[in-house]
Protein backbone atom coordinates (compact mmCIF):
# COMPACT_ATOMS: atom_id res chain seq x y z
CA UNK A 1 54.67 131.79 123.82
CA UNK A 2 54.65 128.03 123.31
CA UNK A 3 52.82 125.72 125.66
CA UNK A 4 54.95 123.83 128.17
CA UNK A 5 57.17 121.30 126.46
CA UNK A 6 57.36 118.06 128.44
CA UNK A 7 57.79 115.63 125.55
CA UNK A 8 60.96 113.61 125.07
CA UNK A 9 63.33 115.38 122.69
CA UNK A 10 65.18 113.25 120.16
CA UNK A 11 68.53 113.67 118.45
CA UNK A 12 70.02 117.18 118.43
CA UNK A 13 72.92 118.45 116.35
CA UNK A 14 75.06 121.57 116.40
CA UNK A 15 74.60 124.42 113.96
CA UNK A 16 76.76 124.07 110.81
CA UNK A 17 77.91 127.65 111.46
CA UNK A 18 79.91 126.64 114.53
CA UNK A 19 83.37 125.06 114.46
CA UNK A 20 84.96 123.15 117.32
CA UNK A 21 88.63 123.99 117.60
CA UNK A 22 90.97 121.12 116.65
CA UNK A 23 93.00 121.79 119.83
CA UNK A 24 90.06 120.79 122.04
CA UNK A 25 90.05 120.39 124.94
CA UNK A 26 92.00 123.63 125.34
CA UNK A 27 92.41 122.99 129.08
CA UNK A 28 92.06 119.85 131.17
CA UNK A 29 93.17 118.53 134.54
CA UNK A 30 96.42 117.12 133.13
CA UNK A 31 97.62 120.64 132.31
CA UNK A 32 96.96 122.10 135.75
CA UNK A 33 100.08 122.08 137.97
CA UNK A 34 98.28 120.92 141.12
CA UNK A 35 96.03 117.92 141.80
CA UNK A 36 92.54 118.30 140.34
CA UNK A 37 90.07 115.99 138.63
CA UNK A 38 87.72 118.27 136.69
CA UNK A 39 88.48 121.60 134.99
CA UNK A 40 85.43 123.18 133.38
CA UNK A 41 82.74 125.93 133.25
CA UNK A 42 85.27 128.75 132.92
CA UNK A 43 84.80 132.45 132.46
CA UNK A 44 87.07 134.00 129.81
CA UNK A 45 87.90 137.63 128.94
CA UNK A 46 90.55 139.75 127.31
CA UNK A 47 92.19 141.76 130.08
CA UNK A 48 95.54 143.50 130.39
CA UNK A 49 96.59 142.60 126.84
CA UNK A 50 96.02 138.84 127.11
CA UNK A 51 93.30 136.25 127.44
CA UNK A 52 92.40 135.30 131.00
CA UNK A 53 90.45 132.22 132.04
CA UNK A 54 89.10 131.55 135.53
CA UNK A 55 87.97 127.95 135.72
CA UNK A 56 86.26 125.65 138.16
CA UNK A 57 88.39 123.00 139.92
CA UNK A 58 86.74 119.90 141.36
CA UNK A 59 89.19 117.66 143.20
CA UNK A 60 89.34 113.88 143.21
CA UNK A 61 90.57 111.05 140.99
CA UNK A 62 90.01 110.67 137.26
CA UNK A 63 91.27 107.08 137.31
CA UNK A 64 88.96 106.01 140.11
CA UNK A 65 86.15 108.30 138.96
CA UNK A 66 85.72 109.79 142.41
CA UNK A 67 85.39 113.32 143.75
CA UNK A 68 86.44 114.75 147.08
CA UNK A 69 83.85 116.51 149.27
CA UNK A 70 82.36 119.56 147.61
CA UNK A 71 84.15 121.91 150.01
CA UNK A 72 87.35 121.24 148.08
CA UNK A 73 86.01 122.97 144.96
CA UNK A 74 87.80 126.23 144.10
CA UNK A 75 88.69 128.43 141.12
CA UNK A 76 91.92 128.30 139.14
CA UNK A 77 93.37 130.67 136.56
CA UNK A 78 95.03 130.32 133.16
CA UNK A 79 96.50 132.79 130.66
CA UNK A 80 96.90 132.77 126.88
CA UNK A 81 98.36 135.00 124.21
CA UNK A 82 96.12 133.66 121.42
CA UNK A 83 93.04 132.32 123.20
CA UNK A 84 93.91 128.77 122.15
CA UNK A 85 97.05 127.71 124.02
CA UNK A 86 96.66 128.11 127.75
CA UNK A 87 99.03 128.03 130.72
CA UNK A 88 97.47 127.44 134.11
CA UNK A 89 98.67 129.42 137.10
CA UNK A 90 100.58 127.70 139.92
CA UNK A 91 97.72 127.75 142.43
CA UNK A 92 93.98 128.43 142.76
CA UNK A 93 92.95 132.08 142.98
CA UNK A 94 89.54 132.02 144.68
CA UNK A 95 87.87 129.83 147.29
CA UNK A 96 85.08 130.30 149.82
CA UNK A 97 84.47 127.89 152.68
CA UNK A 98 83.41 128.34 156.30
CA UNK A 99 80.72 127.10 158.68
CA UNK A 100 77.98 128.45 156.40
CA UNK A 101 79.56 128.52 152.92
CA UNK A 102 80.30 125.14 151.32
CA UNK A 103 81.97 126.27 148.10
CA UNK A 104 82.13 128.84 145.27
CA UNK A 105 82.11 127.71 141.64
CA UNK A 106 81.12 128.40 138.01
CA UNK A 107 82.82 131.80 137.42
CA UNK A 108 81.70 134.21 134.70
CA UNK A 109 83.95 137.16 133.79
CA UNK A 110 82.99 140.56 132.37
CA UNK A 111 85.15 143.64 131.88
CA UNK A 112 83.37 146.91 132.68
CA UNK A 113 85.19 150.25 132.53
CA UNK A 114 88.61 148.62 132.74
CA UNK A 115 87.89 146.41 135.75
CA UNK A 116 87.14 142.68 135.71
CA UNK A 117 83.96 141.53 137.43
CA UNK A 118 83.28 137.93 138.32
CA UNK A 119 79.89 136.38 138.90
CA UNK A 120 79.93 133.04 140.68
CA UNK A 121 77.67 130.55 142.44
CA UNK A 122 77.92 129.82 146.15
CA UNK A 123 76.60 126.68 147.81
CA UNK A 124 75.65 127.39 151.41
CA UNK A 125 73.99 125.31 154.09
CA UNK A 126 70.83 127.33 153.55
CA UNK A 127 70.64 127.55 149.78
CA UNK A 128 72.50 128.56 146.61
CA UNK A 129 73.51 132.21 146.32
CA UNK A 130 74.83 134.23 143.40
CA UNK A 131 77.85 136.45 143.98
CA UNK A 132 79.45 139.41 142.23
CA UNK A 133 83.12 140.25 142.86
CA UNK A 134 85.64 142.58 141.26
CA UNK A 135 89.39 142.24 140.73
CA UNK A 136 92.16 144.21 139.05
CA UNK A 137 94.91 141.60 139.32
CA UNK A 138 93.22 138.16 139.77
CA UNK A 139 95.04 137.85 143.07
CA UNK A 140 92.62 139.71 145.32
CA UNK A 141 88.84 139.81 144.83
CA UNK A 142 86.38 142.18 146.50
CA UNK A 143 82.94 140.60 146.90
CA UNK A 144 80.37 143.28 146.12
CA UNK A 145 77.14 141.38 146.65
CA UNK A 146 75.64 137.99 147.43
CA UNK A 147 72.03 137.25 146.55
CA UNK A 148 69.43 135.54 148.68
CA UNK A 149 68.79 131.86 147.88
CA UNK A 150 68.20 130.42 145.44
CA UNK A 151 69.93 132.09 142.50
CA UNK A 152 72.58 130.89 140.08
CA UNK A 153 74.11 131.33 136.58
CA UNK A 154 74.40 135.10 136.87
CA UNK A 155 76.17 137.01 134.07
CA UNK A 156 76.79 140.74 133.66
CA UNK A 157 76.41 142.86 130.55
CA UNK A 158 79.72 144.62 129.76
CA UNK A 159 78.38 148.16 130.13
CA UNK A 160 75.59 150.11 131.78
CA UNK A 161 72.32 150.29 129.86
CA UNK A 162 70.11 153.34 130.46
CA UNK A 163 72.21 154.19 133.50
CA UNK A 164 72.05 150.81 135.23
CA UNK A 165 74.11 147.66 135.36
CA UNK A 166 72.23 144.67 133.98
CA UNK A 167 72.56 140.95 134.60
CA UNK A 168 70.93 137.71 133.52
CA UNK A 169 70.17 135.13 136.20
CA UNK A 170 68.34 131.89 136.90
CA UNK A 171 66.19 131.64 140.03
CA UNK A 172 65.21 128.21 141.39
CA UNK A 173 61.43 128.59 141.27
CA UNK A 174 60.70 125.04 142.39
CA UNK A 175 57.35 125.34 144.15
CA UNK A 176 55.69 127.78 141.75
CA UNK A 177 56.84 125.81 138.69
CA UNK A 178 55.33 122.46 139.68
CA UNK A 179 57.89 121.13 142.14
CA UNK A 180 60.40 120.21 139.43
CA UNK A 181 63.19 121.95 137.51
CA UNK A 182 61.30 124.20 135.04
CA UNK A 183 63.83 126.99 135.57
CA UNK A 184 63.89 130.09 133.36
CA UNK A 185 66.12 133.06 132.49
CA UNK A 186 65.43 136.36 134.26
CA UNK A 187 66.95 139.83 133.88
CA UNK A 188 67.63 142.39 136.63
CA UNK A 189 69.09 145.88 137.01
CA UNK A 190 71.28 147.63 139.57
CA UNK A 191 72.58 151.18 140.09
CA UNK A 192 75.75 149.98 141.84
CA UNK A 193 76.23 146.17 141.38
CA UNK A 194 75.11 145.74 145.00
CA UNK A 195 71.36 146.32 145.09
CA UNK A 196 69.40 144.50 142.38
CA UNK A 197 65.80 144.89 141.25
CA UNK A 198 63.46 145.71 138.35
CA UNK A 199 63.53 142.00 137.66
CA UNK A 200 61.60 140.49 134.75
CA UNK A 201 61.28 137.14 133.03
CA UNK A 202 63.37 137.18 129.84
CA UNK A 203 63.08 133.67 128.41
CA UNK A 204 60.99 130.73 129.67
CA UNK A 205 61.88 127.10 129.20
CA UNK A 206 58.67 126.45 127.27
CA UNK A 207 59.79 128.99 124.66
CA UNK A 208 62.84 126.87 123.75
CA UNK A 209 62.01 123.98 121.37
CA UNK A 210 65.07 121.96 122.39
CA UNK A 211 64.48 122.12 126.17
CA UNK A 212 61.96 120.25 128.27
CA UNK A 213 63.56 120.63 131.71
CA UNK A 214 65.22 124.01 132.32
CA UNK A 215 67.19 126.86 130.76
CA UNK A 216 69.45 129.62 132.04
CA UNK A 217 72.21 132.10 131.16
CA UNK A 218 75.53 130.87 129.79
CA UNK A 219 78.34 133.22 128.67
CA UNK A 220 78.04 136.97 129.35
CA UNK A 221 76.46 138.85 126.40
CA UNK A 222 78.58 140.38 123.65
CA UNK A 223 77.70 143.75 122.08
CA UNK A 224 77.22 143.87 118.29
CA UNK A 225 75.79 146.51 115.96
CA UNK A 226 72.56 144.53 115.75
CA UNK A 227 72.07 143.72 119.43
CA UNK A 228 73.41 141.82 122.42
CA UNK A 229 74.53 138.38 121.25
CA UNK A 230 73.62 136.09 124.11
CA UNK A 231 74.11 132.38 124.72
CA UNK A 232 72.02 130.28 127.10
CA UNK A 233 72.06 126.71 128.32
CA UNK A 234 69.12 124.43 127.58
CA UNK A 235 68.44 121.11 129.25
CA UNK A 236 66.32 118.20 128.10
CA UNK A 237 65.65 115.14 130.20
CA UNK A 238 64.75 111.61 129.14
CA UNK A 239 63.96 108.98 131.79
CA UNK A 240 65.14 106.24 129.41
CA UNK A 241 68.74 107.46 129.50
CA UNK A 242 71.21 105.43 131.50
CA UNK A 243 74.46 106.11 133.30
CA UNK A 244 76.20 108.53 130.88
CA UNK A 245 79.00 109.44 133.29
CA UNK A 246 80.30 108.77 136.77
CA UNK A 247 76.94 108.88 138.48
CA UNK A 248 74.64 105.82 138.72
CA UNK A 249 72.08 107.61 136.57
CA UNK A 250 72.38 110.74 134.42
CA UNK A 251 69.30 111.42 132.32
CA UNK A 252 69.92 115.02 131.24
CA UNK A 253 71.51 116.56 128.16
CA UNK A 254 72.81 120.14 128.09
CA UNK A 255 72.93 122.10 124.83
CA UNK A 256 73.75 125.73 124.07
CA UNK A 257 71.30 128.12 122.47
CA UNK A 258 71.79 131.64 121.16
CA UNK A 259 69.58 134.73 120.99
CA UNK A 260 69.84 138.44 120.16
CA UNK A 261 68.64 141.10 122.61
CA UNK A 262 67.81 144.73 121.87
CA UNK A 263 70.72 147.09 122.56
CA UNK A 264 68.67 149.73 124.38
CA UNK A 265 66.16 147.36 125.96
CA UNK A 266 67.76 143.97 126.59
CA UNK A 267 64.47 142.72 128.04
CA UNK A 268 63.34 142.52 124.41
CA UNK A 269 64.38 139.41 122.44
CA UNK A 270 64.94 140.29 118.78
CA UNK A 271 65.41 136.69 117.69
CA UNK A 272 66.51 133.24 118.78
CA UNK A 273 67.76 130.16 116.97
CA UNK A 274 65.09 127.45 116.93
CA UNK A 275 67.73 124.74 117.25
CA UNK A 276 70.91 124.43 119.35
CA UNK A 277 74.05 126.35 118.52
CA UNK A 278 76.05 123.55 120.14
CA UNK A 279 74.86 120.05 121.01
CA UNK A 280 77.00 117.23 122.48
CA UNK A 281 78.63 115.33 119.61
CA UNK A 282 82.43 115.29 119.99
CA UNK A 283 84.10 112.43 121.92
CA UNK A 284 85.12 114.73 124.80
CA UNK A 285 81.48 115.83 125.13
CA UNK A 286 79.74 112.45 125.06
CA UNK A 287 82.15 109.89 126.49
CA UNK A 288 84.43 109.44 129.49
CA UNK A 289 83.35 112.53 131.38
CA UNK A 290 81.88 113.15 134.81
CA UNK A 291 78.50 113.92 133.22
CA UNK A 292 78.43 113.07 129.53
CA UNK A 293 76.25 114.93 127.03
CA UNK A 294 76.87 118.30 128.66
CA UNK A 295 77.86 121.56 126.94
CA UNK A 296 77.92 124.75 129.01
CA UNK A 297 79.31 128.03 127.59
CA UNK A 298 80.88 130.37 130.13
CA UNK A 299 82.86 132.84 128.01
CA UNK A 300 82.39 134.56 124.65
CA UNK A 301 84.83 136.96 122.97
CA UNK A 302 84.19 138.98 119.81
CA UNK A 303 87.46 139.52 117.94
CA UNK A 304 88.21 142.51 115.71
CA UNK A 305 87.91 140.39 112.55
CA UNK A 306 84.40 139.24 113.47
CA UNK A 307 85.35 135.84 114.84
CA UNK A 308 83.46 134.86 117.97
CA UNK A 309 85.27 132.58 120.40
CA UNK A 310 82.91 130.59 122.62
CA UNK A 311 84.49 128.78 125.56
CA UNK A 312 82.49 125.96 127.07
CA UNK A 313 82.70 123.20 129.62
CA UNK A 314 82.32 119.73 128.12
CA UNK A 315 80.99 116.72 130.04
CA UNK A 316 81.60 118.70 133.27
CA UNK A 317 85.22 117.61 132.85
CA UNK A 318 87.24 119.76 130.41
CA UNK A 319 87.22 123.25 128.88
CA UNK A 320 86.78 123.64 125.11
CA UNK A 321 86.56 126.26 122.36
CA UNK A 322 84.24 126.72 119.41
CA UNK A 323 84.22 129.56 116.87
CA UNK A 324 81.86 131.21 114.40
CA UNK A 325 81.55 134.53 112.58
CA UNK A 326 79.49 137.18 114.32
CA UNK A 327 77.45 137.95 111.18
CA UNK A 328 76.49 134.29 110.83
CA UNK A 329 75.40 134.12 114.47
CA UNK A 330 73.27 137.23 114.12
CA UNK A 331 71.58 135.85 111.00
CA UNK A 332 71.00 132.57 112.83
CA UNK A 333 69.20 134.40 115.64
CA UNK A 334 67.08 136.39 113.20
CA UNK A 335 66.21 133.37 111.06
CA UNK A 336 67.84 134.83 107.95
């Protein structure tokens, strides 16, 4: 394990193995048939013979660069026949808000045994909780579990491993990690998607050369012959950075990393790329967004021909697509 990395990290570039799709952004607020300002951080799966995307809506004004109160955040849906051209549904499909719950956001989709499961984050007045819900039609959702605070960025593996469901997650270990971000990726198991335990640290921020602030899960893992192909988000912070978005000061940069986990024991990392898979470079990632210099994968699909589609939020504003071949990504993780 490397010692804690607190140094300023310089320029970062994407892997030459990855290709941004020329249609990017594949979904933005202008293509949603109801008022919204930001469309990003979507979960994407193949389900019922088509591609399905559940995305985060944040309401407000793009022109005035303003957002409505956070309790207006909800989740929308879009469908595609090819994974590239998307049609948004006529209305949002999921929202939580009451005296205790402020909002639900950042969906992650996984198909297990023919049903679609959605992990999501929940802001409450007493902390951030992670939720797991299931749906068969994307019209009604049954919430199976909500974690205690503070937990976020949960993603499910697409099948049971050694008899248990498995998920990646990111606890907010503020006090024990020095009173600052320093958040890491953990892994937990469950017999029923309700009760979770056997939790272990999977990847620490100090093990990632291109992070000095925090890391966490990104898109749900994809099964390959060589292991579970797994993306994660990595954050570096530089106090010299300026505005970089709508906020008065935004000093963070989000990149995407990739690693390979053992098929039978996903608590074992077989390999990890020493540099980002995706770093902010394209205009829609670095300019004009709510928070520029942000890339956050939320969906990954392995096609029959070996192409891997990675869907990611860019600048916390739009949803984008990048592709690579699965064999190249595996070799990248293994340093070959």
